[in-house]
N, C-alpha and C. Protein backbone atom coordinates (compact mmCIF):
# COMPACT_ATOMS: atom_id res chain seq x y z
N MET A 1 -10.72 18.85 -73.30
CA MET A 1 -9.46 19.68 -72.11
C MET A 1 -10.11 20.73 -71.59
N ASN A 2 -10.04 21.56 -72.92
CA ASN A 2 -10.31 23.40 -72.64
C ASN A 2 -11.57 23.59 -71.69
N ARG A 3 -12.96 22.54 -72.33
CA ARG A 3 -13.69 22.85 -71.28
C ARG A 3 -13.67 22.04 -69.88
N LEU A 4 -13.01 21.21 -69.72
CA LEU A 4 -12.57 21.12 -68.14
C LEU A 4 -12.32 21.58 -67.32
N ARG A 5 -11.59 22.58 -67.83
CA ARG A 5 -10.51 23.35 -67.40
C ARG A 5 -11.26 24.51 -66.29
N PRO A 6 -12.67 24.85 -66.61
CA PRO A 6 -13.19 25.72 -65.44
C PRO A 6 -13.66 24.79 -64.32
N LEU A 7 -14.12 23.65 -64.97
CA LEU A 7 -14.54 23.15 -63.78
C LEU A 7 -13.63 22.53 -62.93
N LEU A 8 -12.57 22.22 -63.47
CA LEU A 8 -11.44 21.63 -62.67
C LEU A 8 -11.19 22.73 -61.51
N PHE A 9 -11.26 24.31 -62.21
CA PHE A 9 -10.75 25.28 -61.15
C PHE A 9 -11.66 25.58 -60.24
N ALA A 10 -13.00 25.30 -60.44
CA ALA A 10 -14.05 25.63 -59.67
C ALA A 10 -13.82 24.76 -58.78
N LEU A 11 -14.06 22.61 -58.98
CA LEU A 11 -13.82 22.37 -57.92
C LEU A 11 -12.57 22.44 -56.95
N LEU A 12 -11.34 23.09 -57.69
CA LEU A 12 -10.16 23.35 -56.96
C LEU A 12 -10.71 24.62 -55.65
N ALA A 13 -11.50 25.47 -56.15
CA ALA A 13 -11.66 26.76 -55.54
C ALA A 13 -12.69 25.88 -54.13
N LEU A 14 -13.50 25.10 -54.66
CA LEU A 14 -14.29 24.96 -53.25
C LEU A 14 -13.29 24.05 -52.33
N ALA A 15 -12.65 23.18 -52.86
CA ALA A 15 -11.81 22.57 -51.70
C ALA A 15 -11.38 23.18 -50.97
N LEU A 16 -10.16 24.54 -51.63
CA LEU A 16 -9.80 25.11 -51.05
C LEU A 16 -10.83 25.94 -49.82
N ALA A 17 -11.97 26.53 -50.31
CA ALA A 17 -12.73 27.06 -49.34
C ALA A 17 -12.90 26.30 -48.01
N ALA A 18 -13.14 24.67 -48.67
CA ALA A 18 -13.68 24.16 -47.35
C ALA A 18 -12.74 24.15 -46.36
N CYS A 19 -11.35 23.90 -46.64
CA CYS A 19 -9.99 23.55 -46.18
C CYS A 19 -9.93 25.10 -45.23
N ALA A 20 -10.37 26.32 -45.55
CA ALA A 20 -10.30 27.27 -44.80
C ALA A 20 -11.36 27.38 -43.88
N ALA A 21 -12.60 26.86 -44.07
CA ALA A 21 -13.43 26.91 -43.23
C ALA A 21 -13.35 25.95 -42.12
N THR A 22 -12.47 24.93 -42.49
CA THR A 22 -12.40 23.81 -41.44
C THR A 22 -11.58 24.29 -40.17
N PRO A 23 -12.10 24.15 -39.22
CA PRO A 23 -11.49 24.61 -37.64
C PRO A 23 -10.25 23.93 -37.65
N GLY A 24 -8.91 24.54 -37.05
CA GLY A 24 -7.97 23.73 -36.66
C GLY A 24 -8.06 22.69 -35.79
N ILE A 25 -7.42 21.67 -35.75
CA ILE A 25 -7.69 20.91 -34.75
C ILE A 25 -6.68 21.46 -33.39
N PRO A 26 -7.52 21.26 -32.01
CA PRO A 26 -7.05 22.12 -30.94
C PRO A 26 -5.54 21.26 -30.65
N ASP A 27 -4.73 22.36 -29.80
CA ASP A 27 -3.39 21.49 -29.21
C ASP A 27 -4.01 20.76 -28.05
N THR A 28 -3.03 19.81 -27.83
CA THR A 28 -3.19 18.91 -26.65
C THR A 28 -2.70 19.67 -25.63
N THR A 29 -3.49 19.92 -24.10
CA THR A 29 -3.12 20.35 -22.95
C THR A 29 -2.58 19.10 -21.95
N TYR A 30 -1.69 18.87 -21.45
CA TYR A 30 -1.25 17.81 -20.65
C TYR A 30 -1.21 19.07 -19.22
N TYR A 31 -1.91 18.24 -18.11
CA TYR A 31 -1.69 18.50 -16.85
C TYR A 31 -1.23 18.11 -15.89
N ARG A 32 -0.90 18.83 -15.28
CA ARG A 32 0.24 18.32 -13.40
C ARG A 32 -1.07 18.18 -12.49
N LEU A 33 -0.98 17.88 -11.80
CA LEU A 33 -1.51 17.71 -9.96
C LEU A 33 -0.63 19.03 -9.30
N PRO A 34 -1.97 20.00 -8.96
CA PRO A 34 -0.70 21.09 -8.06
C PRO A 34 -0.09 20.58 -6.95
N PRO A 35 0.69 21.39 -6.49
CA PRO A 35 1.76 21.52 -5.37
C PRO A 35 1.05 20.43 -4.38
N ARG A 36 1.72 19.39 -3.91
CA ARG A 36 0.55 18.80 -2.68
C ARG A 36 0.55 19.97 -1.39
N GLU A 37 -0.63 19.82 -0.44
CA GLU A 37 -0.53 20.49 0.35
C GLU A 37 0.43 19.66 1.31
N SER A 38 1.06 20.73 2.35
CA SER A 38 2.22 20.21 3.53
C SER A 38 1.73 19.42 4.31
N THR A 39 1.83 18.12 4.63
CA THR A 39 1.91 17.12 5.61
C THR A 39 2.54 17.27 7.00
N ALA A 40 1.65 17.39 8.16
CA ALA A 40 2.77 17.56 9.27
C ALA A 40 3.15 16.11 9.65
N ALA A 41 4.44 16.67 10.18
CA ALA A 41 5.42 14.92 10.76
C ALA A 41 4.52 14.72 11.94
N LEU A 42 4.58 13.16 12.00
CA LEU A 42 4.20 12.49 13.12
C LEU A 42 4.74 12.71 14.14
N PRO A 43 4.30 12.30 15.60
CA PRO A 43 5.74 12.76 16.76
C PRO A 43 6.37 11.64 16.51
N ALA A 44 6.05 10.32 16.13
CA ALA A 44 6.96 8.76 15.87
C ALA A 44 6.46 8.11 14.96
N PRO A 45 7.04 7.59 14.09
CA PRO A 45 7.19 6.95 13.10
C PRO A 45 5.71 5.96 13.23
N LEU A 46 4.65 5.72 12.59
CA LEU A 46 3.91 4.87 12.65
C LEU A 46 4.39 3.28 12.83
N PHE A 47 5.61 3.05 11.80
CA PHE A 47 6.39 1.64 11.93
C PHE A 47 7.44 1.87 11.81
N ASP A 48 8.18 0.54 12.60
CA ASP A 48 9.31 0.55 12.48
C ASP A 48 10.01 -0.54 11.08
N VAL A 49 9.15 -0.73 9.89
CA VAL A 49 9.46 -1.39 9.08
C VAL A 49 9.38 -0.37 7.66
N PRO A 50 9.65 -0.60 6.61
CA PRO A 50 9.44 0.39 5.88
C PRO A 50 7.79 -0.08 5.08
N ILE A 51 7.66 1.69 4.69
CA ILE A 51 6.25 1.61 3.51
C ILE A 51 6.32 0.97 1.89
N VAL A 52 5.90 0.39 1.40
CA VAL A 52 5.65 0.38 0.45
C VAL A 52 4.19 0.58 -0.42
N VAL A 53 4.38 1.61 -1.26
CA VAL A 53 2.72 2.43 -1.94
C VAL A 53 3.38 1.54 -2.97
N ASP A 54 1.98 0.78 -3.65
CA ASP A 54 1.76 0.19 -4.85
C ASP A 54 1.00 1.19 -5.73
N THR A 55 1.08 0.91 -7.21
CA THR A 55 0.55 1.44 -8.19
C THR A 55 -0.94 0.99 -7.86
N LEU A 56 -1.88 2.28 -7.65
CA LEU A 56 -3.27 1.92 -7.62
C LEU A 56 -3.85 1.11 -9.15
N VAL A 57 -4.57 0.21 -8.19
CA VAL A 57 -5.76 -0.40 -9.67
C VAL A 57 -6.64 0.81 -10.22
N ALA A 58 -6.59 0.68 -11.41
CA ALA A 58 -8.02 1.62 -12.11
C ALA A 58 -8.38 0.73 -13.59
N ASP A 59 -9.93 0.60 -13.83
CA ASP A 59 -10.28 0.03 -14.63
C ASP A 59 -10.95 1.05 -16.32
N GLY A 60 -11.10 0.37 -17.06
CA GLY A 60 -11.18 1.36 -17.92
C GLY A 60 -10.85 3.00 -18.11
N LEU A 61 -11.93 3.82 -18.26
CA LEU A 61 -11.72 5.34 -18.39
C LEU A 61 -10.50 5.69 -17.44
N HIS A 62 -10.63 5.41 -15.83
CA HIS A 62 -9.85 5.74 -14.98
C HIS A 62 -7.66 5.65 -15.07
N SER A 63 -8.16 4.37 -16.28
CA SER A 63 -6.53 4.08 -16.53
C SER A 63 -5.78 4.37 -17.16
N ASP A 64 -6.98 5.62 -18.02
CA ASP A 64 -5.68 6.57 -18.99
C ASP A 64 -5.57 7.87 -18.67
N GLN A 65 -4.62 8.32 -19.71
CA GLN A 65 -4.38 9.85 -18.92
C GLN A 65 -5.54 10.74 -19.55
N ALA A 66 -6.57 10.60 -19.95
CA ALA A 66 -7.46 11.38 -20.86
C ALA A 66 -8.37 12.04 -19.08
N LEU A 67 -8.49 13.42 -19.06
CA LEU A 67 -8.88 14.03 -18.24
C LEU A 67 -10.82 13.54 -18.28
N ILE A 68 -11.69 13.08 -17.26
CA ILE A 68 -12.63 12.69 -17.31
C ILE A 68 -13.96 13.45 -17.03
N TYR A 69 -14.56 13.68 -17.58
CA TYR A 69 -15.92 14.74 -17.28
C TYR A 69 -17.23 14.06 -17.12
N ALA A 70 -17.79 14.46 -16.49
CA ALA A 70 -19.29 13.94 -16.39
C ALA A 70 -20.57 14.48 -17.50
N LEU A 71 -21.39 13.83 -17.89
CA LEU A 71 -22.42 14.62 -18.48
C LEU A 71 -23.82 14.79 -17.84
N ASP A 72 -24.02 14.51 -16.48
CA ASP A 72 -24.78 14.92 -15.35
C ASP A 72 -24.14 15.22 -13.92
N PRO A 73 -25.22 15.84 -13.20
CA PRO A 73 -24.92 15.69 -12.05
C PRO A 73 -24.27 14.99 -11.39
N SER A 74 -25.39 14.03 -11.53
CA SER A 74 -25.17 12.35 -10.60
C SER A 74 -24.16 11.65 -10.68
N ALA A 75 -23.19 12.35 -12.28
CA ALA A 75 -22.02 11.81 -13.15
C ALA A 75 -22.63 9.95 -13.22
N ILE A 76 -23.32 9.55 -13.88
CA ILE A 76 -23.57 8.26 -14.71
C ILE A 76 -23.11 8.37 -15.73
N ARG A 77 -23.23 9.48 -16.45
CA ARG A 77 -22.82 8.81 -18.11
C ARG A 77 -21.22 10.24 -17.73
N LEU A 78 -20.45 9.59 -18.44
CA LEU A 78 -19.06 9.92 -18.47
C LEU A 78 -18.36 10.19 -19.75
N ARG A 79 -17.71 10.87 -20.27
CA ARG A 79 -16.68 11.45 -21.42
C ARG A 79 -15.39 11.35 -20.76
N ALA A 80 -14.62 11.42 -22.06
CA ALA A 80 -12.92 11.49 -21.83
C ALA A 80 -12.97 12.69 -23.03
N TYR A 81 -11.98 13.56 -22.18
CA TYR A 81 -11.45 14.90 -23.28
C TYR A 81 -10.67 14.22 -24.41
N HIS A 82 -10.46 14.49 -25.55
CA HIS A 82 -9.33 14.13 -26.45
C HIS A 82 -8.11 15.01 -26.35
N TYR A 83 -8.40 16.35 -25.78
CA TYR A 83 -7.11 16.99 -26.28
C TYR A 83 -6.89 17.59 -24.59
N GLN A 84 -7.44 17.24 -23.59
CA GLN A 84 -6.98 17.45 -22.25
C GLN A 84 -6.32 16.35 -21.55
N LEU A 85 -5.12 16.35 -21.38
CA LEU A 85 -4.86 15.04 -20.45
C LEU A 85 -3.90 15.47 -19.54
N TRP A 86 -3.79 14.27 -18.60
CA TRP A 86 -2.66 14.18 -17.06
C TRP A 86 -1.62 14.08 -17.99
N VAL A 87 -0.57 14.38 -17.52
CA VAL A 87 0.90 14.00 -17.75
C VAL A 87 1.34 12.75 -17.76
N ASP A 88 0.53 12.13 -16.80
CA ASP A 88 0.59 10.82 -16.36
C ASP A 88 -0.71 10.22 -16.01
N PRO A 89 -0.63 8.71 -16.27
CA PRO A 89 -1.79 8.37 -15.86
C PRO A 89 -2.45 8.11 -13.99
N PRO A 90 -3.38 8.52 -13.87
CA PRO A 90 -4.02 8.97 -12.72
C PRO A 90 -3.63 7.97 -11.50
N VAL A 91 -3.32 6.76 -11.75
CA VAL A 91 -2.81 6.01 -10.74
C VAL A 91 -1.42 5.74 -10.63
N ARG A 92 -0.35 6.20 -11.54
CA ARG A 92 0.72 7.18 -11.27
C ARG A 92 0.80 8.11 -10.53
N MET A 93 0.13 9.27 -10.53
CA MET A 93 0.07 10.29 -9.76
C MET A 93 -0.50 10.38 -8.61
N LEU A 94 -1.00 9.49 -8.27
CA LEU A 94 -1.70 8.97 -6.75
C LEU A 94 -0.79 8.20 -6.00
N GLN A 95 -0.25 7.54 -6.58
CA GLN A 95 1.31 7.06 -5.46
C GLN A 95 2.09 7.91 -5.75
N ARG A 96 3.15 8.64 -6.52
CA ARG A 96 3.49 9.68 -5.89
C ARG A 96 3.13 10.31 -4.98
N ARG A 97 1.79 11.14 -5.16
CA ARG A 97 0.89 11.49 -4.23
C ARG A 97 1.26 11.01 -2.45
N LEU A 98 0.83 9.89 -2.52
CA LEU A 98 0.26 9.24 -1.43
C LEU A 98 2.06 9.13 -0.86
N THR A 99 3.07 8.46 -1.67
CA THR A 99 4.36 8.40 -0.84
C THR A 99 4.99 9.75 -0.54
N GLY A 100 4.61 10.71 -1.08
CA GLY A 100 4.96 12.11 -0.60
C GLY A 100 4.49 12.48 0.78
N SER A 101 3.12 12.26 1.06
CA SER A 101 2.65 12.68 1.76
C SER A 101 3.37 11.36 2.98
N LEU A 102 3.00 10.15 2.91
CA LEU A 102 3.52 9.46 3.92
C LEU A 102 5.33 9.68 4.64
N ARG A 103 5.88 9.90 3.39
CA ARG A 103 7.59 10.64 3.87
C ARG A 103 7.58 11.58 4.61
N GLN A 104 6.49 12.51 4.27
CA GLN A 104 6.53 13.84 4.74
C GLN A 104 6.03 13.63 6.32
N ALA A 105 5.23 13.38 6.42
CA ALA A 105 4.75 12.43 7.71
C ALA A 105 5.62 11.47 8.61
N ARG A 106 6.59 11.33 8.00
CA ARG A 106 7.58 10.35 8.73
C ARG A 106 6.84 8.98 9.14
N ALA A 107 5.82 8.62 8.55
CA ALA A 107 5.25 7.69 9.15
C ALA A 107 5.98 6.11 9.25
N ALA A 108 7.45 6.05 8.79
CA ALA A 108 8.05 4.91 8.28
C ALA A 108 9.45 5.34 8.42
N PRO A 109 10.41 4.34 8.47
CA PRO A 109 11.80 4.76 8.35
C PRO A 109 12.16 5.03 7.15
N LEU A 110 11.45 4.28 6.13
CA LEU A 110 11.49 4.43 4.38
C LEU A 110 10.29 4.50 4.13
N VAL A 111 10.18 5.00 3.20
CA VAL A 111 8.65 5.19 1.96
C VAL A 111 9.06 4.75 0.91
N ALA A 112 8.57 4.13 0.03
CA ALA A 112 9.05 3.77 -1.07
C ALA A 112 8.46 3.52 -1.89
N ASP A 113 8.46 3.32 -3.32
CA ASP A 113 7.06 2.43 -4.65
C ASP A 113 8.12 0.87 -4.65
N ARG A 114 9.05 0.64 -4.61
CA ARG A 114 9.09 -0.89 -4.28
C ARG A 114 10.54 -1.15 -3.49
N LEU A 115 10.84 -2.20 -3.41
CA LEU A 115 11.51 -2.58 -2.55
C LEU A 115 11.80 -4.37 -2.85
N PRO A 116 13.06 -5.27 -2.50
CA PRO A 116 13.23 -6.52 -2.76
C PRO A 116 12.13 -6.97 -1.99
N ALA A 117 11.97 -8.39 -2.64
CA ALA A 117 10.88 -9.09 -2.00
C ALA A 117 11.29 -9.72 -0.57
N GLN A 118 11.97 -9.94 -0.33
CA GLN A 118 12.45 -10.44 1.41
C GLN A 118 12.16 -9.24 2.45
N VAL A 119 12.57 -8.27 2.03
CA VAL A 119 12.34 -7.33 2.83
C VAL A 119 10.93 -7.27 3.61
N ASP A 120 10.82 -7.18 4.94
CA ASP A 120 9.64 -7.07 5.68
C ASP A 120 9.52 -5.47 5.58
N ARG A 121 7.87 -5.21 5.00
CA ARG A 121 7.58 -4.05 4.95
C ARG A 121 6.34 -4.06 4.95
N VAL A 122 5.48 -2.92 5.40
CA VAL A 122 4.46 -2.45 5.39
C VAL A 122 3.45 -1.98 3.45
N ARG A 123 2.39 -2.86 3.02
CA ARG A 123 2.03 -2.47 1.87
C ARG A 123 0.81 -1.47 1.74
N ILE A 124 0.85 -0.71 0.99
CA ILE A 124 0.00 0.01 0.69
C ILE A 124 -0.65 0.02 -0.32
N GLY A 125 -1.98 0.07 -1.08
CA GLY A 125 -2.29 -0.48 -2.31
C GLY A 125 -4.05 -0.08 -2.10
N GLY A 126 -4.74 -0.11 -3.78
CA GLY A 126 -5.90 0.20 -3.54
C GLY A 126 -6.37 0.03 -4.61
N ARG A 127 -7.58 1.09 -5.22
CA ARG A 127 -8.49 0.84 -6.15
C ARG A 127 -9.04 2.31 -6.24
N LEU A 128 -8.62 3.15 -7.57
CA LEU A 128 -9.30 4.48 -8.28
C LEU A 128 -10.69 4.45 -8.66
N GLU A 129 -11.53 4.80 -7.91
CA GLU A 129 -13.28 4.47 -8.21
C GLU A 129 -13.40 5.52 -9.11
N ALA A 130 -13.14 7.07 -8.77
CA ALA A 130 -13.74 8.42 -9.33
C ALA A 130 -12.65 9.60 -9.46
N PHE A 131 -12.40 9.95 -10.46
CA PHE A 131 -11.49 11.30 -10.50
C PHE A 131 -11.80 12.16 -11.81
N GLU A 132 -12.39 12.95 -11.65
CA GLU A 132 -13.41 13.93 -12.58
C GLU A 132 -14.25 14.93 -12.19
N ARG A 133 -14.72 15.60 -13.47
CA ARG A 133 -15.34 17.17 -13.03
C ARG A 133 -16.57 16.41 -13.23
N ILE A 134 -17.72 17.18 -12.51
CA ILE A 134 -19.21 16.94 -12.73
C ILE A 134 -19.47 18.08 -12.66
N PRO A 135 -20.64 18.35 -13.83
CA PRO A 135 -21.88 19.61 -13.84
C PRO A 135 -22.42 19.38 -13.07
N ARG A 136 -22.76 21.13 -12.17
CA ARG A 136 -23.47 20.93 -11.64
C ARG A 136 -25.13 21.64 -11.98
N GLU A 137 -25.98 21.37 -10.65
CA GLU A 137 -27.34 22.07 -11.57
C GLU A 137 -27.37 23.42 -11.75
N ASP A 138 -26.56 24.40 -10.58
CA ASP A 138 -26.75 25.72 -11.17
C ASP A 138 -25.56 26.05 -12.41
N GLY A 139 -24.90 25.30 -13.15
CA GLY A 139 -23.62 25.60 -14.27
C GLY A 139 -22.53 25.59 -13.95
N GLY A 140 -22.28 25.30 -12.67
CA GLY A 140 -20.54 25.60 -12.14
C GLY A 140 -20.17 23.60 -12.18
N TRP A 141 -19.32 23.81 -11.54
CA TRP A 141 -18.39 22.47 -11.67
C TRP A 141 -18.08 21.87 -10.29
N ASP A 142 -18.36 20.82 -10.42
CA ASP A 142 -17.57 20.03 -8.97
C ASP A 142 -16.81 18.96 -8.94
N VAL A 143 -15.79 18.48 -8.76
CA VAL A 143 -14.79 17.30 -8.76
C VAL A 143 -15.22 16.50 -7.90
N LEU A 144 -14.98 15.36 -8.49
CA LEU A 144 -14.99 14.09 -7.39
C LEU A 144 -13.52 13.52 -7.63
N VAL A 145 -13.40 12.65 -6.29
CA VAL A 145 -12.16 12.02 -5.98
C VAL A 145 -12.67 10.82 -4.82
N ALA A 146 -12.46 9.57 -5.55
CA ALA A 146 -13.04 8.37 -4.48
C ALA A 146 -11.92 7.23 -5.30
N MET A 147 -11.76 6.43 -3.93
CA MET A 147 -10.79 5.71 -4.32
C MET A 147 -10.94 4.32 -2.72
N VAL A 148 -10.51 3.29 -3.09
CA VAL A 148 -10.63 2.33 -1.65
C VAL A 148 -9.11 2.21 -1.60
N LEU A 149 -9.00 2.00 -0.10
CA LEU A 149 -6.93 2.01 0.50
C LEU A 149 -7.14 1.15 0.96
N ARG A 150 -5.99 0.20 1.02
CA ARG A 150 -6.03 -1.48 1.59
C ARG A 150 -4.37 -1.24 2.69
N VAL A 151 -4.11 -1.12 3.65
CA VAL A 151 -3.14 -0.95 4.51
C VAL A 151 -2.55 -2.61 4.62
N ASP A 152 -1.36 -3.67 4.67
CA ASP A 152 -1.25 -4.82 4.67
C ASP A 152 0.14 -5.01 5.72
N ALA A 153 -0.23 -5.10 6.87
CA ALA A 153 1.28 -5.15 7.68
C ALA A 153 1.89 -6.52 7.47
N PRO A 154 3.20 -6.47 8.00
CA PRO A 154 3.68 -7.91 7.70
C PRO A 154 3.55 -8.95 9.02
N GLY A 155 3.29 -10.29 8.20
CA GLY A 155 3.12 -11.55 9.11
C GLY A 155 2.07 -11.55 9.70
N SER A 156 0.91 -10.66 9.20
CA SER A 156 -0.69 -10.54 9.51
C SER A 156 -1.59 -11.08 8.19
N GLU A 157 -2.32 -12.25 8.43
CA GLU A 157 -2.94 -12.66 7.01
C GLU A 157 -4.52 -11.21 6.61
N VAL A 158 -4.62 -10.58 7.85
CA VAL A 158 -5.69 -9.89 8.05
C VAL A 158 -5.15 -8.34 7.38
N PRO A 159 -6.13 -7.49 7.08
CA PRO A 159 -5.49 -5.77 6.73
C PRO A 159 -5.58 -5.42 7.58
N LEU A 160 -4.94 -4.40 7.92
CA LEU A 160 -4.72 -3.26 8.89
C LEU A 160 -5.79 -2.22 8.53
N LEU A 161 -5.99 -2.25 7.33
CA LEU A 161 -7.21 -1.25 7.45
C LEU A 161 -7.40 -1.50 5.71
N VAL A 162 -8.77 -1.17 5.61
CA VAL A 162 -9.63 -1.19 3.89
C VAL A 162 -10.65 -0.48 4.32
N ARG A 163 -10.80 0.82 3.42
CA ARG A 163 -11.85 2.01 3.91
C ARG A 163 -12.04 2.51 2.65
N ALA A 164 -13.02 3.00 2.07
CA ALA A 164 -13.53 3.70 0.99
C ALA A 164 -13.05 5.36 1.48
N TYR A 165 -12.78 6.20 0.23
CA TYR A 165 -12.59 7.40 0.51
C TYR A 165 -13.30 7.84 -0.26
N ARG A 166 -13.65 9.38 -0.21
CA ARG A 166 -14.47 10.08 -1.21
C ARG A 166 -14.66 11.54 -1.20
N GLN A 167 -14.42 12.33 -1.59
CA GLN A 167 -14.08 13.80 -1.69
C GLN A 167 -15.03 14.25 -2.96
N ARG A 168 -15.89 15.15 -2.93
CA ARG A 168 -16.75 16.05 -3.73
C ARG A 168 -16.29 17.73 -3.78
N LEU A 169 -16.03 18.57 -4.25
CA LEU A 169 -15.38 19.86 -3.98
C LEU A 169 -16.10 20.45 -5.45
N PRO A 170 -16.22 21.68 -4.67
CA PRO A 170 -16.68 22.92 -6.16
C PRO A 170 -15.14 23.09 -6.72
N ALA A 171 -15.50 23.56 -8.22
CA ALA A 171 -14.37 24.39 -8.40
C ALA A 171 -14.44 25.99 -8.67
N ASP A 172 -13.33 26.67 -8.81
CA ASP A 172 -14.00 28.15 -8.87
C ASP A 172 -14.22 28.56 -10.32
N SER A 173 -13.82 28.13 -10.84
CA SER A 173 -14.61 28.26 -12.35
C SER A 173 -15.09 27.14 -13.12
N ASP A 174 -15.22 27.18 -14.26
CA ASP A 174 -15.85 26.38 -15.21
C ASP A 174 -14.88 25.77 -16.07
N THR A 175 -13.72 26.40 -15.88
CA THR A 175 -12.42 25.94 -16.84
C THR A 175 -11.65 24.49 -16.44
N VAL A 176 -11.10 23.79 -17.37
CA VAL A 176 -10.77 22.74 -17.03
C VAL A 176 -9.33 22.91 -15.74
N HIS A 177 -8.79 23.86 -15.84
CA HIS A 177 -7.31 24.54 -15.17
C HIS A 177 -7.84 24.55 -13.63
N ALA A 178 -9.59 25.25 -13.53
CA ALA A 178 -10.07 25.18 -12.31
C ALA A 178 -10.12 23.70 -11.67
N SER A 179 -11.11 23.09 -12.40
CA SER A 179 -11.22 21.85 -11.73
C SER A 179 -9.93 20.91 -11.42
N VAL A 180 -8.51 20.90 -12.15
CA VAL A 180 -7.59 20.49 -11.72
C VAL A 180 -6.82 20.47 -10.55
N LEU A 181 -7.34 22.09 -10.24
CA LEU A 181 -6.53 22.59 -9.06
C LEU A 181 -7.76 22.18 -8.12
N ALA A 182 -9.20 21.91 -7.97
CA ALA A 182 -9.75 21.51 -6.92
C ALA A 182 -9.78 20.15 -6.94
N ILE A 183 -9.14 19.15 -7.71
CA ILE A 183 -8.88 18.18 -7.77
C ILE A 183 -7.90 17.83 -7.02
N GLY A 184 -6.64 18.41 -7.13
CA GLY A 184 -5.56 18.22 -6.03
C GLY A 184 -5.95 18.99 -4.73
N GLN A 185 -6.93 19.59 -4.59
CA GLN A 185 -7.26 20.31 -3.15
C GLN A 185 -8.58 18.77 -2.60
N ALA A 186 -9.43 17.95 -3.61
CA ALA A 186 -9.93 16.82 -3.28
C ALA A 186 -9.03 15.94 -2.49
N LEU A 187 -8.06 15.89 -3.16
CA LEU A 187 -7.21 14.20 -2.86
C LEU A 187 -6.37 14.76 -1.91
N ASP A 188 -5.69 15.72 -1.64
CA ASP A 188 -5.00 15.73 -0.42
C ASP A 188 -5.90 16.09 0.83
N ARG A 189 -6.91 16.41 0.97
CA ARG A 189 -7.87 16.21 1.96
C ARG A 189 -8.42 14.57 2.18
N LEU A 190 -8.23 13.65 0.87
CA LEU A 190 -8.82 12.44 0.84
C LEU A 190 -7.31 11.79 1.99
N LEU A 191 -6.53 12.18 1.37
CA LEU A 191 -5.22 11.58 1.98
C LEU A 191 -5.26 12.02 3.58
N ALA A 192 -5.47 13.20 3.66
CA ALA A 192 -5.27 13.71 5.39
C ALA A 192 -6.47 12.49 6.15
N ASP A 193 -7.54 12.41 5.37
CA ASP A 193 -8.27 10.98 5.85
C ASP A 193 -7.56 9.91 6.23
N PHE A 194 -7.53 9.71 5.65
CA PHE A 194 -6.25 8.10 5.15
C PHE A 194 -5.44 8.14 6.47
N HIS A 195 -4.55 9.54 6.31
CA HIS A 195 -3.58 9.59 7.57
C HIS A 195 -4.02 9.20 8.87
N ALA A 196 -5.12 9.98 9.07
CA ALA A 196 -5.48 10.09 10.41
C ALA A 196 -6.35 8.22 10.77
N ASP A 197 -7.17 7.60 9.73
CA ASP A 197 -7.58 6.54 10.22
C ASP A 197 -6.02 5.76 10.08
N LEU A 198 -5.26 5.74 9.12
CA LEU A 198 -3.79 4.90 9.54
C LEU A 198 -3.16 4.90 10.70
N ALA A 199 -3.11 6.06 11.39
CA ALA A 199 -2.69 6.09 12.82
C ALA A 199 -3.77 5.77 13.75
N ALA A 200 -4.88 5.86 13.63
CA ALA A 200 -5.76 5.08 14.27
C ALA A 200 -5.84 3.79 14.35
N ALA A 201 -6.04 2.97 13.60
CA ALA A 201 -5.68 1.85 12.99
C ALA A 201 -4.44 1.08 13.90
N VAL A 202 -3.33 1.75 13.67
CA VAL A 202 -2.38 1.19 14.25
C VAL A 202 -2.23 1.57 15.92
N ALA A 203 -2.66 2.20 16.47
CA ALA A 203 -2.88 2.59 17.79
C ALA A 203 -4.45 1.46 18.34
N ASP A 204 -4.92 0.80 17.52
CA ASP A 204 -5.62 0.21 17.92
C ASP A 204 -5.18 -1.39 18.05
N ASP A 205 -4.22 -1.47 17.05
CA ASP A 205 -4.04 -3.01 16.66
C ASP A 205 -3.07 -3.42 17.71
């Protein structure tokens, strides 16, 4: 036993040294979207019935809370951060952002995320297709937000509007925080385009 003690002490010392050399697990950081840009109120409501904004559909990576980044400027290869997360899944954040912008614009007497089934309403939904940061050739970062939005009016079998939207903007720096701010800006520009298209679709209907 006495002969084994030096060996045991040596193994213990090596184990402690290895633990000391191992970097600690990074803290998880949760991100909110920046405050929404102000939406100008419409001269008159677009609809005389309520609007219901559904949770957007998302598949794969975009259905989770992890922030997504691309490995190449064409955004063909994607990865998810392990310790950089949204406070909620993006589809829920987008639902609240769209709901808030329509309320502020006074697009309808009521804008909600749910209503009783028997109530006539305009239904807005869609699919999230991109919500990520993308490296540029010059070493900086862009952000990309893309989705398809659909508007269904009561009593019509044909959608009032179905359109794809896409915004790609540069981030101010290479930090994740800067990309989060740019994603908020890209999202608000995208929703402004949607508001304009919705008003035009109602005028043409």
